[in-house]
Amino acid sequence: WGKYQFFLFLATTWFINSLVQAFFMPNAEEFSELI
């Protein structure tokens, strides 16, 4: 995991986390409020 391999790894982290935070996190946070 050299410099550019790790930054590729980091970009993959942002892809996955941003998709989850965009589509699922807001709804998961509001679920208890719905209850």
PDB file of all heavy atoms in Angstrom:
ATOM      1  N   TRP A   1       0.848  -1.198   0.000  1.00  0.00           N
ATOM      2  CA  TRP A   1       0.000   0.000   0.000  1.00  0.00           C
ATOM      3  C   TRP A   1       0.877   1.239   0.000  1.00  0.00           C
ATOM      4  O   TRP A   1       1.069   1.884   1.017  1.00  0.00           O
ATOM      5  CB  TRP A   1      -0.944  -0.002   1.196  1.00  0.00           C
ATOM      6  CG  TRP A   1      -1.967  -1.082   1.137  1.00  0.00           C
ATOM      7  CD1 TRP A   1      -2.011  -2.219   1.871  1.00  0.00           C
ATOM      8  CD2 TRP A   1      -3.098  -1.129   0.256  1.00  0.00           C
ATOM      9  NE1 TRP A   1      -3.096  -2.979   1.508  1.00  0.00           N
ATOM     10  CE2 TRP A   1      -3.783  -2.340   0.523  1.00  0.00           C
ATOM     11  CE3 TRP A   1      -3.594  -0.272  -0.733  1.00  0.00           C
ATOM     12  CZ2 TRP A   1      -4.938  -2.714  -0.157  1.00  0.00           C
ATOM     13  CZ3 TRP A   1      -4.746  -0.643  -1.404  1.00  0.00           C
ATOM     14  CH2 TRP A   1      -5.400  -1.845  -1.118  1.00  0.00           C
ATOM     15  N   GLY A   2       1.411   1.542  -1.196  1.00  0.00           N
ATOM     16  CA  GLY A   2       2.185   2.761  -1.359  1.00  0.00           C
ATOM     17  C   GLY A   2       1.278   3.979  -1.430  1.00  0.00           C
ATOM     18  O   GLY A   2       0.069   3.893  -1.216  1.00  0.00           O
ATOM     19  N   LYS A   3       1.856   5.095  -1.779  1.00  0.00           N
ATOM     20  CA  LYS A   3       1.124   6.365  -1.761  1.00  0.00           C
ATOM     21  C   LYS A   3      -0.115   6.332  -2.648  1.00  0.00           C
ATOM     22  O   LYS A   3      -1.234   6.602  -2.187  1.00  0.00           O
ATOM     23  CB  LYS A   3       2.055   7.493  -2.205  1.00  0.00           C
ATOM     24  CG  LYS A   3       1.398   8.861  -2.277  1.00  0.00           C
ATOM     25  CD  LYS A   3       2.409   9.920  -2.702  1.00  0.00           C
ATOM     26  CE  LYS A   3       1.770  11.301  -2.817  1.00  0.00           C
ATOM     27  NZ  LYS A   3       2.756  12.325  -3.221  1.00  0.00           N
ATOM     28  N   TYR A   4       0.059   5.983  -3.911  1.00  0.00           N
ATOM     29  CA  TYR A   4      -1.072   6.056  -4.839  1.00  0.00           C
ATOM     30  C   TYR A   4      -2.029   4.879  -4.666  1.00  0.00           C
ATOM     31  O   TYR A   4      -3.229   5.028  -4.904  1.00  0.00           O
ATOM     32  CB  TYR A   4      -0.557   6.144  -6.270  1.00  0.00           C
ATOM     33  CG  TYR A   4       0.253   7.398  -6.496  1.00  0.00           C
ATOM     34  CD1 TYR A   4       1.632   7.331  -6.678  1.00  0.00           C
ATOM     35  CD2 TYR A   4      -0.355   8.651  -6.481  1.00  0.00           C
ATOM     36  CE1 TYR A   4       2.383   8.484  -6.849  1.00  0.00           C
ATOM     37  CE2 TYR A   4       0.394   9.807  -6.651  1.00  0.00           C
ATOM     38  CZ  TYR A   4       1.754   9.719  -6.828  1.00  0.00           C
ATOM     39  OH  TYR A   4       2.490  10.869  -6.995  1.00  0.00           O
ATOM     40  N   GLN A   5      -1.512   3.731  -4.247  1.00  0.00           N
ATOM     41  CA  GLN A   5      -2.414   2.623  -3.914  1.00  0.00           C
ATOM     42  C   GLN A   5      -3.319   2.995  -2.750  1.00  0.00           C
ATOM     43  O   GLN A   5      -4.521   2.695  -2.754  1.00  0.00           O
ATOM     44  CB  GLN A   5      -1.611   1.356  -3.557  1.00  0.00           C
ATOM     45  CG  GLN A   5      -0.922   0.702  -4.729  1.00  0.00           C
ATOM     46  CD  GLN A   5       0.505   1.180  -4.880  1.00  0.00           C
ATOM     47  OE1 GLN A   5       0.853   2.285  -4.428  1.00  0.00           O
ATOM     48  NE2 GLN A   5       1.336   0.365  -5.506  1.00  0.00           N
ATOM     49  N   PHE A   6      -2.727   3.676  -1.758  1.00  0.00           N
ATOM     50  CA  PHE A   6      -3.537   4.044  -0.595  1.00  0.00           C
ATOM     51  C   PHE A   6      -4.556   5.119  -0.941  1.00  0.00           C
ATOM     52  O   PHE A   6      -5.685   5.097  -0.444  1.00  0.00           O
ATOM     53  CB  PHE A   6      -2.642   4.528   0.547  1.00  0.00           C
ATOM     54  CG  PHE A   6      -3.425   4.889   1.783  1.00  0.00           C
ATOM     55  CD1 PHE A   6      -3.954   3.900   2.595  1.00  0.00           C
ATOM     56  CD2 PHE A   6      -3.649   6.213   2.106  1.00  0.00           C
ATOM     57  CE1 PHE A   6      -4.696   4.229   3.722  1.00  0.00           C
ATOM     58  CE2 PHE A   6      -4.383   6.552   3.232  1.00  0.00           C
ATOM     59  CZ  PHE A   6      -4.909   5.554   4.043  1.00  0.00           C
ATOM     60  N   PHE A   7      -4.186   6.072  -1.800  1.00  0.00           N
ATOM     61  CA  PHE A   7      -5.165   7.093  -2.173  1.00  0.00           C
ATOM     62  C   PHE A   7      -6.286   6.492  -3.017  1.00  0.00           C
ATOM     63  O   PHE A   7      -7.423   6.974  -2.981  1.00  0.00           O
ATOM     64  CB  PHE A   7      -4.478   8.254  -2.903  1.00  0.00           C
ATOM     65  CG  PHE A   7      -3.824   9.226  -1.970  1.00  0.00           C
ATOM     66  CD1 PHE A   7      -2.456   9.442  -2.002  1.00  0.00           C
ATOM     67  CD2 PHE A   7      -4.572   9.928  -1.039  1.00  0.00           C
ATOM     68  CE1 PHE A   7      -1.852  10.335  -1.134  1.00  0.00           C
ATOM     69  CE2 PHE A   7      -3.986  10.818  -0.166  1.00  0.00           C
ATOM     70  CZ  PHE A   7      -2.617  11.030  -0.204  1.00  0.00           C
ATOM     71  N   LEU A   8      -5.993   5.449  -3.777  1.00  0.00           N
ATOM     72  CA  LEU A   8      -7.055   4.719  -4.463  1.00  0.00           C
ATOM     73  C   LEU A   8      -7.968   4.039  -3.436  1.00  0.00           C
ATOM     74  O   LEU A   8      -9.193   4.035  -3.585  1.00  0.00           O
ATOM     75  CB  LEU A   8      -6.440   3.688  -5.409  1.00  0.00           C
ATOM     76  CG  LEU A   8      -7.371   2.944  -6.359  1.00  0.00           C
ATOM     77  CD1 LEU A   8      -6.623   2.567  -7.641  1.00  0.00           C
ATOM     78  CD2 LEU A   8      -7.931   1.685  -5.727  1.00  0.00           C
ATOM     79  N   PHE A   9      -7.341   3.480  -2.398  1.00  0.00           N
ATOM     80  CA  PHE A   9      -8.102   2.884  -1.299  1.00  0.00           C
ATOM     81  C   PHE A   9      -8.991   3.932  -0.631  1.00  0.00           C
ATOM     82  O   PHE A   9     -10.168   3.684  -0.345  1.00  0.00           O
ATOM     83  CB  PHE A   9      -7.122   2.295  -0.276  1.00  0.00           C
ATOM     84  CG  PHE A   9      -7.757   1.547   0.852  1.00  0.00           C
ATOM     85  CD1 PHE A   9      -7.808   0.169   0.834  1.00  0.00           C
ATOM     86  CD2 PHE A   9      -8.287   2.218   1.955  1.00  0.00           C
ATOM     87  CE1 PHE A   9      -8.384  -0.534   1.879  1.00  0.00           C
ATOM     88  CE2 PHE A   9      -8.857   1.529   2.999  1.00  0.00           C
ATOM     89  CZ  PHE A   9      -8.918   0.144   2.968  1.00  0.00           C
ATOM     90  N   LEU A  10      -8.421   5.112  -0.418  1.00  0.00           N
ATOM     91  CA  LEU A  10      -9.172   6.194   0.230  1.00  0.00           C
ATOM     92  C   LEU A  10     -10.347   6.648  -0.639  1.00  0.00           C
ATOM     93  O   LEU A  10     -11.442   6.919  -0.125  1.00  0.00           O
ATOM     94  CB  LEU A  10      -8.221   7.361   0.499  1.00  0.00           C
ATOM     95  CG  LEU A  10      -8.582   8.323   1.634  1.00  0.00           C
ATOM     96  CD1 LEU A  10      -8.697   7.589   2.954  1.00  0.00           C
ATOM     97  CD2 LEU A  10      -7.539   9.425   1.730  1.00  0.00           C
ATOM     98  N   ALA A  11     -10.137   6.729  -1.951  1.00  0.00           N
ATOM     99  CA  ALA A  11     -11.222   7.107  -2.860  1.00  0.00           C
ATOM    100  C   ALA A  11     -12.359   6.088  -2.795  1.00  0.00           C
ATOM    101  O   ALA A  11     -13.541   6.453  -2.823  1.00  0.00           O
ATOM    102  CB  ALA A  11     -10.693   7.215  -4.288  1.00  0.00           C
ATOM    103  N   THR A  12     -12.007   4.807  -2.685  1.00  0.00           N
ATOM    104  CA  THR A  12     -13.027   3.761  -2.564  1.00  0.00           C
ATOM    105  C   THR A  12     -13.829   3.927  -1.283  1.00  0.00           C
ATOM    106  O   THR A  12     -15.050   3.743  -1.270  1.00  0.00           O
ATOM    107  CB  THR A  12     -12.354   2.373  -2.582  1.00  0.00           C
ATOM    108  OG1 THR A  12     -11.517   2.264  -3.740  1.00  0.00           O
ATOM    109  CG2 THR A  12     -13.396   1.267  -2.610  1.00  0.00           C
ATOM    110  N   THR A  13     -13.141   4.296  -0.211  1.00  0.00           N
ATOM    111  CA  THR A  13     -13.835   4.566   1.058  1.00  0.00           C
ATOM    112  C   THR A  13     -14.855   5.683   0.901  1.00  0.00           C
ATOM    113  O   THR A  13     -15.987   5.590   1.386  1.00  0.00           O
ATOM    114  CB  THR A  13     -12.814   4.953   2.146  1.00  0.00           C
ATOM    115  OG1 THR A  13     -11.851   3.911   2.282  1.00  0.00           O
ATOM    116  CG2 THR A  13     -13.501   5.178   3.484  1.00  0.00           C
ATOM    117  N   TRP A  14     -14.472   6.754   0.204  1.00  0.00           N
ATOM    118  CA  TRP A  14     -15.386   7.890   0.018  1.00  0.00           C
ATOM    119  C   TRP A  14     -16.575   7.500  -0.856  1.00  0.00           C
ATOM    120  O   TRP A  14     -17.689   7.955  -0.617  1.00  0.00           O
ATOM    121  CB  TRP A  14     -14.633   9.065  -0.595  1.00  0.00           C
ATOM    122  CG  TRP A  14     -13.613   9.653   0.316  1.00  0.00           C
ATOM    123  CD1 TRP A  14     -13.619   9.618   1.682  1.00  0.00           C
ATOM    124  CD2 TRP A  14     -12.433  10.356  -0.052  1.00  0.00           C
ATOM    125  NE1 TRP A  14     -12.509  10.250   2.183  1.00  0.00           N
ATOM    126  CE2 TRP A  14     -11.766  10.721   1.142  1.00  0.00           C
ATOM    127  CE3 TRP A  14     -11.864  10.723  -1.264  1.00  0.00           C
ATOM    128  CZ2 TRP A  14     -10.563  11.420   1.159  1.00  0.00           C
ATOM    129  CZ3 TRP A  14     -10.666  11.428  -1.267  1.00  0.00           C
ATOM    130  CH2 TRP A  14     -10.030  11.772  -0.064  1.00  0.00           C
ATOM    131  N   PHE A  15     -16.336   6.678  -1.870  1.00  0.00           N
ATOM    132  CA  PHE A  15     -17.452   6.214  -2.703  1.00  0.00           C
ATOM    133  C   PHE A  15     -18.508   5.530  -1.848  1.00  0.00           C
ATOM    134  O   PHE A  15     -19.692   5.873  -1.887  1.00  0.00           O
ATOM    135  CB  PHE A  15     -16.951   5.222  -3.764  1.00  0.00           C
ATOM    136  CG  PHE A  15     -16.168   5.852  -4.881  1.00  0.00           C
ATOM    137  CD1 PHE A  15     -15.229   5.122  -5.579  1.00  0.00           C
ATOM    138  CD2 PHE A  15     -16.364   7.174  -5.245  1.00  0.00           C
ATOM    139  CE1 PHE A  15     -14.495   5.683  -6.610  1.00  0.00           C
ATOM    140  CE2 PHE A  15     -15.645   7.755  -6.276  1.00  0.00           C
ATOM    141  CZ  PHE A  15     -14.714   7.009  -6.956  1.00  0.00           C
ATOM    142  N   ILE A  16     -18.068   4.554  -1.085  1.00  0.00           N
ATOM    143  CA  ILE A  16     -19.010   3.735  -0.318  1.00  0.00           C
ATOM    144  C   ILE A  16     -19.669   4.547   0.782  1.00  0.00           C
ATOM    145  O   ILE A  16     -20.898   4.521   0.941  1.00  0.00           O
ATOM    146  CB  ILE A  16     -18.284   2.505   0.254  1.00  0.00           C
ATOM    147  CG1 ILE A  16     -17.823   1.603  -0.899  1.00  0.00           C
ATOM    148  CG2 ILE A  16     -19.191   1.731   1.204  1.00  0.00           C
ATOM    149  CD1 ILE A  16     -16.929   0.450  -0.481  1.00  0.00           C
ATOM    150  N   ASN A  17     -18.880   5.294   1.534  1.00  0.00           N
ATOM    151  CA  ASN A  17     -19.450   6.071   2.637  1.00  0.00           C
ATOM    152  C   ASN A  17     -20.395   7.162   2.148  1.00  0.00           C
ATOM    153  O   ASN A  17     -21.441   7.408   2.765  1.00  0.00           O
ATOM    154  CB  ASN A  17     -18.334   6.697   3.471  1.00  0.00           C
ATOM    155  CG  ASN A  17     -17.635   5.682   4.347  1.00  0.00           C
ATOM    156  OD1 ASN A  17     -18.080   4.538   4.474  1.00  0.00           O
ATOM    157  ND2 ASN A  17     -16.533   6.065   4.957  1.00  0.00           N
ATOM    158  N   SER A  18     -20.054   7.826   1.042  1.00  0.00           N
ATOM    159  CA  SER A  18     -20.916   8.901   0.545  1.00  0.00           C
ATOM    160  C   SER A  18     -22.254   8.346   0.052  1.00  0.00           C
ATOM    161  O   SER A  18     -23.304   8.957   0.274  1.00  0.00           O
ATOM    162  CB  SER A  18     -20.225   9.680  -0.572  1.00  0.00           C
ATOM    163  OG  SER A  18     -19.971   8.864  -1.701  1.00  0.00           O
ATOM    164  N   LEU A  19     -22.236   7.184  -0.592  1.00  0.00           N
ATOM    165  CA  LEU A  19     -23.490   6.574  -1.051  1.00  0.00           C
ATOM    166  C   LEU A  19     -24.371   6.169   0.130  1.00  0.00           C
ATOM    167  O   LEU A  19     -25.585   6.396   0.129  1.00  0.00           O
ATOM    168  CB  LEU A  19     -23.193   5.352  -1.927  1.00  0.00           C
ATOM    169  CG  LEU A  19     -22.608   5.646  -3.316  1.00  0.00           C
ATOM    170  CD1 LEU A  19     -22.201   4.356  -4.001  1.00  0.00           C
ATOM    171  CD2 LEU A  19     -23.612   6.408  -4.177  1.00  0.00           C
ATOM    172  N   VAL A  20     -23.752   5.582   1.144  1.00  0.00           N
ATOM    173  CA  VAL A  20     -24.520   5.171   2.330  1.00  0.00           C
ATOM    174  C   VAL A  20     -25.057   6.387   3.067  1.00  0.00           C
ATOM    175  O   VAL A  20     -26.219   6.428   3.487  1.00  0.00           O
ATOM    176  CB  VAL A  20     -23.647   4.311   3.263  1.00  0.00           C
ATOM    177  CG1 VAL A  20     -24.380   4.014   4.568  1.00  0.00           C
ATOM    178  CG2 VAL A  20     -23.278   2.993   2.572  1.00  0.00           C
ATOM    179  N   GLN A  21     -24.221   7.418   3.214  1.00  0.00           N
ATOM    180  CA  GLN A  21     -24.655   8.610   3.934  1.00  0.00           C
ATOM    181  C   GLN A  21     -25.700   9.406   3.154  1.00  0.00           C
ATOM    182  O   GLN A  21     -26.536  10.086   3.751  1.00  0.00           O
ATOM    183  CB  GLN A  21     -23.446   9.485   4.250  1.00  0.00           C
ATOM    184  CG  GLN A  21     -22.532   8.884   5.299  1.00  0.00           C
ATOM    185  CD  GLN A  21     -21.248   9.662   5.491  1.00  0.00           C
ATOM    186  OE1 GLN A  21     -21.060  10.718   4.897  1.00  0.00           O
ATOM    187  NE2 GLN A  21     -20.348   9.131   6.313  1.00  0.00           N
ATOM    188  N   ALA A  22     -25.670   9.319   1.834  1.00  0.00           N
ATOM    189  CA  ALA A  22     -26.647  10.053   1.025  1.00  0.00           C
ATOM    190  C   ALA A  22     -28.006   9.366   1.015  1.00  0.00           C
ATOM    191  O   ALA A  22     -29.045  10.011   1.168  1.00  0.00           O
ATOM    192  CB  ALA A  22     -26.131  10.207  -0.405  1.00  0.00           C
ATOM    193  N   PHE A  23     -28.010   8.047   0.859  1.00  0.00           N
ATOM    194  CA  PHE A  23     -29.274   7.343   0.640  1.00  0.00           C
ATOM    195  C   PHE A  23     -29.850   6.682   1.884  1.00  0.00           C
ATOM    196  O   PHE A  23     -31.061   6.480   1.974  1.00  0.00           O
ATOM    197  CB  PHE A  23     -29.086   6.284  -0.449  1.00  0.00           C
ATOM    198  CG  PHE A  23     -28.783   6.858  -1.801  1.00  0.00           C
ATOM    199  CD1 PHE A  23     -27.515   6.786  -2.336  1.00  0.00           C
ATOM    200  CD2 PHE A  23     -29.771   7.504  -2.530  1.00  0.00           C
ATOM    201  CE1 PHE A  23     -27.220   7.334  -3.582  1.00  0.00           C
ATOM    202  CE2 PHE A  23     -29.496   8.052  -3.775  1.00  0.00           C
ATOM    203  CZ  PHE A  23     -28.219   7.969  -4.299  1.00  0.00           C
ATOM    204  N   PHE A  24     -29.011   6.339   2.860  1.00  0.00           N
ATOM    205  CA  PHE A  24     -29.509   5.555   3.988  1.00  0.00           C
ATOM    206  C   PHE A  24     -29.402   6.248   5.342  1.00  0.00           C
ATOM    207  O   PHE A  24     -30.285   6.107   6.182  1.00  0.00           O
ATOM    208  CB  PHE A  24     -28.768   4.214   4.050  1.00  0.00           C
ATOM    209  CG  PHE A  24     -28.784   3.462   2.755  1.00  0.00           C
ATOM    210  CD1 PHE A  24     -27.612   3.022   2.170  1.00  0.00           C
ATOM    211  CD2 PHE A  24     -29.984   3.201   2.106  1.00  0.00           C
ATOM    212  CE1 PHE A  24     -27.633   2.336   0.962  1.00  0.00           C
ATOM    213  CE2 PHE A  24     -30.013   2.517   0.903  1.00  0.00           C
ATOM    214  CZ  PHE A  24     -28.837   2.080   0.333  1.00  0.00           C
ATOM    215  N   MET A  25     -28.317   6.978   5.572  1.00  0.00           N
ATOM    216  CA  MET A  25     -28.119   7.588   6.887  1.00  0.00           C
ATOM    217  C   MET A  25     -29.244   8.533   7.302  1.00  0.00           C
ATOM    218  O   MET A  25     -29.716   8.465   8.446  1.00  0.00           O
ATOM    219  CB  MET A  25     -26.760   8.306   6.932  1.00  0.00           C
ATOM    220  CG  MET A  25     -26.491   9.051   8.233  1.00  0.00           C
ATOM    221  SD  MET A  25     -26.471   7.971   9.682  1.00  0.00           S
ATOM    222  CE  MET A  25     -24.840   7.254   9.528  1.00  0.00           C
ATOM    223  N   PRO A  26     -29.722   9.449   6.434  1.00  0.00           N
ATOM    224  CA  PRO A  26     -30.801  10.346   6.861  1.00  0.00           C
ATOM    225  C   PRO A  26     -32.051   9.588   7.296  1.00  0.00           C
ATOM    226  O   PRO A  26     -32.713   9.968   8.269  1.00  0.00           O
ATOM    227  CB  PRO A  26     -31.087  11.200   5.613  1.00  0.00           C
ATOM    228  CG  PRO A  26     -29.866  11.078   4.772  1.00  0.00           C
ATOM    229  CD  PRO A  26     -29.323   9.714   5.029  1.00  0.00           C
ATOM    230  N   ASN A  27     -32.371   8.519   6.598  1.00  0.00           N
ATOM    231  CA  ASN A  27     -33.559   7.729   6.934  1.00  0.00           C
ATOM    232  C   ASN A  27     -33.363   6.920   8.209  1.00  0.00           C
ATOM    233  O   ASN A  27     -34.277   6.802   9.024  1.00  0.00           O
ATOM    234  CB  ASN A  27     -33.891   6.799   5.765  1.00  0.00           C
ATOM    235  CG  ASN A  27     -34.107   7.566   4.479  1.00  0.00           C
ATOM    236  OD1 ASN A  27     -34.983   8.394   4.378  1.00  0.00           O
ATOM    237  ND2 ASN A  27     -33.276   7.301   3.478  1.00  0.00           N
ATOM    238  N   ALA A  28     -32.153   6.387   8.392  1.00  0.00           N
ATOM    239  CA  ALA A  28     -31.874   5.626   9.602  1.00  0.00           C
ATOM    240  C   ALA A  28     -31.911   6.528  10.831  1.00  0.00           C
ATOM    241  O   ALA A  28     -32.420   6.131  11.891  1.00  0.00           O
ATOM    242  CB  ALA A  28     -30.505   4.952   9.488  1.00  0.00           C
ATOM    243  N   GLU A  29     -31.393   7.743  10.697  1.00  0.00           N
ATOM    244  CA  GLU A  29     -31.396   8.679  11.821  1.00  0.00           C
ATOM    245  C   GLU A  29     -32.811   9.088  12.217  1.00  0.00           C
ATOM    246  O   GLU A  29     -33.089   9.360  13.385  1.00  0.00           O
ATOM    247  CB  GLU A  29     -30.582   9.921  11.467  1.00  0.00           C
ATOM    248  CG  GLU A  29     -29.080   9.691  11.462  1.00  0.00           C
ATOM    249  CD  GLU A  29     -28.313  10.961  11.168  1.00  0.00           C
ATOM    250  OE1 GLU A  29     -28.740  11.722  10.272  1.00  0.00           O
ATOM    251  OE2 GLU A  29     -27.291  11.194  11.821  1.00  0.00           O
ATOM    252  N   GLU A  30     -33.723   9.124  11.242  1.00  0.00           N
ATOM    253  CA  GLU A  30     -35.091   9.577  11.511  1.00  0.00           C
ATOM    254  C   GLU A  30     -36.026   8.444  11.918  1.00  0.00           C
ATOM    255  O   GLU A  30     -37.190   8.683  12.255  1.00  0.00           O
ATOM    256  CB  GLU A  30     -35.656  10.279  10.277  1.00  0.00           C
ATOM    257  CG  GLU A  30     -34.975  11.601   9.957  1.00  0.00           C
ATOM    258  CD  GLU A  30     -35.566  12.279   8.739  1.00  0.00           C
ATOM    259  OE1 GLU A  30     -36.488  11.695   8.130  1.00  0.00           O
ATOM    260  OE2 GLU A  30     -35.119  13.387   8.396  1.00  0.00           O
ATOM    261  N   PHE A  31     -35.529   7.222  11.883  1.00  0.00           N
ATOM    262  CA  PHE A  31     -36.407   6.083  12.168  1.00  0.00           C
ATOM    263  C   PHE A  31     -36.948   6.121  13.593  1.00  0.00           C
ATOM    264  O   PHE A  31     -38.138   5.867  13.826  1.00  0.00           O
ATOM    265  CB  PHE A  31     -35.652   4.773  11.915  1.00  0.00           C
ATOM    266  CG  PHE A  31     -36.527   3.559  11.973  1.00  0.00           C
ATOM    267  CD1 PHE A  31     -37.700   3.490  11.231  1.00  0.00           C
ATOM    268  CD2 PHE A  31     -36.188   2.472  12.762  1.00  0.00           C
ATOM    269  CE1 PHE A  31     -38.508   2.375  11.270  1.00  0.00           C
ATOM    270  CE2 PHE A  31     -36.994   1.352  12.807  1.00  0.00           C
ATOM    271  CZ  PHE A  31     -38.159   1.299  12.060  1.00  0.00           C
ATOM    272  N   SER A  32     -36.076   6.437  14.555  1.00  0.00           N
ATOM    273  CA  SER A  32     -36.537   6.506  15.943  1.00  0.00           C
ATOM    274  C   SER A  32     -37.570   7.612  16.129  1.00  0.00           C
ATOM    275  O   SER A  32     -38.496   7.492  16.940  1.00  0.00           O
ATOM    276  CB  SER A  32     -35.351   6.738  16.892  1.00  0.00           C
ATOM    277  OG  SER A  32     -34.724   7.974  16.620  1.00  0.00           O
ATOM    278  N   GLU A  33     -37.438   8.683  15.344  1.00  0.00           N
ATOM    279  CA  GLU A  33     -38.407   9.776  15.426  1.00  0.00           C
ATOM    280  C   GLU A  33     -39.757   9.340  14.871  1.00  0.00           C
ATOM    281  O   GLU A  33     -40.820   9.740  15.372  1.00  0.00           O
ATOM    282  CB  GLU A  33     -37.859  10.979  14.657  1.00  0.00           C
ATOM    283  CG  GLU A  33     -38.377  12.335  15.059  1.00  0.00           C
ATOM    284  CD  GLU A  33     -38.127  12.697  16.505  1.00  0.00           C
ATOM    285  OE1 GLU A  33     -37.238  12.099  17.154  1.00  0.00           O
ATOM    286  OE2 GLU A  33     -38.846  13.570  17.007  1.00  0.00           O
ATOM    287  N   LEU A  34     -39.736   8.513  13.824  1.00  0.00           N
ATOM    288  CA  LEU A  34     -40.988   7.969  13.291  1.00  0.00           C
ATOM    289  C   LEU A  34     -41.702   7.117  14.335  1.00  0.00           C
ATOM    290  O   LEU A  34     -42.934   7.141  14.436  1.00  0.00           O
ATOM    291  CB  LEU A  34     -40.706   7.118  12.046  1.00  0.00           C
ATOM    292  CG  LEU A  34     -40.317   7.838  10.760  1.00  0.00           C
ATOM    293  CD1 LEU A  34     -40.003   6.831   9.670  1.00  0.00           C
ATOM    294  CD2 LEU A  34     -41.426   8.781  10.305  1.00  0.00           C
ATOM    295  N   ILE A  35     -40.932   6.375  15.110  1.00  0.00           N
ATOM    296  CA  ILE A  35     -41.523   5.534  16.155  1.00  0.00           C
ATOM    297  C   ILE A  35     -42.119   6.405  17.260  1.00  0.00           C
ATOM    298  O   ILE A  35     -43.239   6.175  17.721  1.00  0.00           O
ATOM    299  CB  ILE A  35     -40.454   4.578  16.725  1.00  0.00           C
ATOM    300  CG1 ILE A  35     -39.954   3.643  15.629  1.00  0.00           C
ATOM    301  CG2 ILE A  35     -41.008   3.787  17.903  1.00  0.00           C
ATOM    302  CD1 ILE A  35     -38.739   2.837  16.032  1.00  0.00           C
TER     303      ILE A  35
END
